[in-house]
Amino acid sequence: MRLVIATALTMIAFAANSILTRMAIEGGHIDPSGFAIVRVVSGALILGMIITVRGGSLPLLRRNRIPGALSLAVYLVGFSLAYLTLDAGLGALILFGVVQITMFAHSAMRGTSPSARQITGGAIAFLGLLIALWPGPGAPLTPVGRH
């Protein structure tokens, strides 16, 4: 039951983040790149605080950290620009889907195969994403979103 509550709270926090960010960007309080910078710096500070409280160290300048840093940069650019064209709900849906794909890919690279239940859940989520993104009758197909 604790896992269900923690998962629900996490999903609510992700959705609230999307809504609050959308309000800030559309209200002219911050631009997408400024938001990305605030997000990275605040995340790094919190991560550093958590590691410090746990008594660990954070070795930053290691060669094996480069792929993760590049992945984070690509994510930040894409996610920040998406706030200009995507609705908050659809953006959150895409984010959740990408997180699931990333977790599946990471497990597969480590030699762990997803269970039938995980594959079924991923397929249902992907189908929902297709339905949400499917253009309506007469709608133009555009890979960059609406303006």
Protein backbone atom coordinates (compact mmCIF):
# COMPACT_ATOMS: atom_id res chain seq x y z
CA MET A 1 0.00 0.00 0.00
CA ARG A 2 2.92 2.37 0.71
CA LEU A 3 4.18 1.85 -2.84
CA VAL A 4 0.77 2.73 -4.30
CA ILE A 5 0.58 5.92 -2.22
CA ALA A 6 4.17 6.89 -3.07
CA THR A 7 3.51 6.26 -6.77
CA ALA A 8 0.28 8.29 -6.69
CA LEU A 9 2.03 11.18 -4.95
CA THR A 10 4.87 11.07 -7.47
CA MET A 11 2.43 11.16 -10.39
CA ILE A 12 0.58 14.08 -8.81
CA ALA A 13 3.88 15.92 -8.31
CA PHE A 14 4.86 15.36 -11.96
CA ALA A 15 1.48 16.64 -13.15
CA ALA A 16 1.60 19.64 -10.81
CA ASN A 17 5.10 20.44 -12.05
CA SER A 18 3.82 20.51 -15.63
CA ILE A 19 0.87 22.72 -14.77
CA LEU A 20 2.86 25.17 -12.64
CA THR A 21 5.60 25.41 -15.24
CA ARG A 22 3.06 26.02 -17.99
CA MET A 23 1.49 28.79 -15.94
CA ALA A 24 4.89 30.40 -15.33
CA ILE A 25 5.95 30.24 -18.99
CA GLU A 26 2.62 31.36 -20.44
CA GLY A 27 2.38 34.13 -17.83
CA GLY A 28 5.77 35.46 -18.93
CA HIS A 29 7.33 34.86 -15.51
CA ILE A 30 10.12 32.67 -16.95
CA ASP A 31 11.20 31.45 -20.37
CA PRO A 32 11.82 27.77 -21.23
CA SER A 33 15.61 28.04 -21.07
CA GLY A 34 15.49 29.88 -17.73
CA PHE A 35 13.21 27.16 -16.42
CA ALA A 36 15.67 24.48 -17.57
CA ILE A 37 18.51 26.21 -15.72
CA VAL A 38 16.49 26.58 -12.52
CA ARG A 39 15.45 22.94 -12.79
CA VAL A 40 19.01 21.62 -13.21
CA VAL A 41 20.51 23.79 -10.49
CA SER A 42 17.77 23.04 -7.96
CA GLY A 43 17.90 19.31 -8.77
CA ALA A 44 21.69 19.27 -8.36
CA LEU A 45 21.46 21.10 -5.03
CA ILE A 46 18.84 18.72 -3.65
CA LEU A 47 20.76 15.67 -4.87
CA GLY A 48 23.92 17.01 -3.26
CA MET A 49 22.07 17.61 0.01
CA ILE A 50 20.59 14.10 0.03
CA ILE A 51 23.99 12.51 -0.64
CA THR A 52 25.64 14.66 2.03
CA VAL A 53 22.99 13.77 4.63
CA ARG A 54 23.50 10.07 3.82
CA GLY A 55 27.26 10.50 4.31
CA GLY A 56 28.27 9.74 0.73
CA SER A 57 30.32 11.57 -1.84
CA LEU A 58 29.43 12.75 -5.31
CA PRO A 59 32.26 12.19 -7.79
CA LEU A 60 31.24 14.47 -10.65
CA LEU A 61 34.14 14.45 -13.06
CA ARG A 62 34.15 10.86 -14.25
CA ARG A 63 34.14 9.70 -17.85
CA ASN A 64 31.23 7.30 -17.24
CA ARG A 65 29.00 10.26 -16.30
CA ILE A 66 29.18 11.83 -19.79
CA PRO A 67 26.35 9.78 -21.39
CA GLY A 68 24.04 10.64 -18.50
CA ALA A 69 24.93 14.33 -18.69
CA LEU A 70 24.33 14.40 -22.46
CA SER A 71 21.02 12.57 -22.03
CA LEU A 72 19.96 15.10 -19.41
CA ALA A 73 20.87 17.98 -21.73
CA VAL A 74 18.83 16.51 -24.62
CA TYR A 75 15.90 15.93 -22.26
CA LEU A 76 16.08 19.50 -20.92
CA VAL A 77 16.13 21.10 -24.36
CA GLY A 78 13.28 18.96 -25.67
CA PHE A 79 11.16 19.25 -22.55
CA SER A 80 11.65 23.00 -22.25
CA LEU A 81 10.75 23.64 -25.89
CA ALA A 82 7.72 21.36 -25.56
CA TYR A 83 6.23 23.80 -23.06
CA LEU A 84 5.83 26.25 -25.94
CA THR A 85 3.56 23.97 -28.00
CA LEU A 86 2.16 21.09 -25.94
CA ASP A 87 -0.71 21.14 -23.48
CA ALA A 88 0.38 20.39 -19.89
CA GLY A 89 -1.61 17.13 -19.69
CA LEU A 90 -0.26 15.79 -22.96
CA GLY A 91 3.26 16.83 -21.98
CA ALA A 92 2.94 14.93 -18.71
CA LEU A 93 1.62 11.88 -20.56
CA ILE A 94 4.59 11.95 -22.93
CA LEU A 95 6.98 12.41 -20.01
CA PHE A 96 5.54 9.41 -18.17
CA GLY A 97 5.83 7.32 -21.33
CA VAL A 98 9.43 8.33 -21.93
CA VAL A 99 10.31 7.51 -18.33
CA GLN A 100 8.82 4.03 -18.78
CA ILE A 101 10.71 3.48 -22.03
CA THR A 102 13.93 4.60 -20.34
CA MET A 103 13.38 2.19 -17.45
CA PHE A 104 12.66 -0.70 -19.86
CA ALA A 105 15.76 0.14 -21.92
CA HIS A 106 17.96 0.37 -18.84
CA SER A 107 16.72 -2.99 -17.58
CA ALA A 108 17.25 -4.56 -21.01
CA MET A 109 20.83 -3.23 -21.18
CA ARG A 110 21.46 -4.83 -17.79
CA GLY A 111 20.15 -8.16 -19.03
CA THR A 112 16.77 -8.10 -17.30
CA SER A 113 13.79 -8.85 -19.51
CA PRO A 114 10.52 -7.08 -18.78
CA SER A 115 7.72 -9.26 -17.45
CA ALA A 116 4.54 -9.93 -19.41
CA ARG A 117 2.72 -7.58 -17.04
CA GLN A 118 5.22 -4.77 -17.73
CA ILE A 119 5.00 -5.30 -21.48
CA THR A 120 1.19 -5.26 -21.31
CA GLY A 121 1.22 -2.04 -19.28
CA GLY A 122 3.70 -0.43 -21.67
CA ALA A 123 1.61 -1.46 -24.68
CA ILE A 124 -1.56 -0.03 -23.15
CA ALA A 125 0.24 3.22 -22.30
CA PHE A 126 1.65 3.45 -25.83
CA LEU A 127 -1.79 2.85 -27.31
CA GLY A 128 -3.17 5.64 -25.10
CA LEU A 129 -0.42 7.95 -26.31
CA LEU A 130 -1.20 7.12 -29.94
CA ILE A 131 -4.88 7.85 -29.36
CA ALA A 132 -4.05 11.15 -27.63
CA LEU A 133 -1.69 12.24 -30.40
CA TRP A 134 -3.78 11.06 -33.34
CA PRO A 135 -4.85 14.12 -35.34
CA GLY A 136 -8.55 14.78 -35.72
CA PRO A 137 -10.37 14.89 -39.04
CA GLY A 138 -8.87 17.53 -41.31
CA ALA A 139 -6.12 18.39 -38.85
CA PRO A 140 -2.70 19.05 -40.38
CA LEU A 141 0.13 16.71 -39.47
CA THR A 142 2.95 18.70 -37.89
CA PRO A 143 5.96 17.24 -36.07
CA VAL A 144 6.67 20.48 -34.15
CA GLY A 145 3.31 21.03 -32.48
CA ARG A 146 0.84 23.88 -32.71
CA HIS A 147 1.51 27.57 -32.17
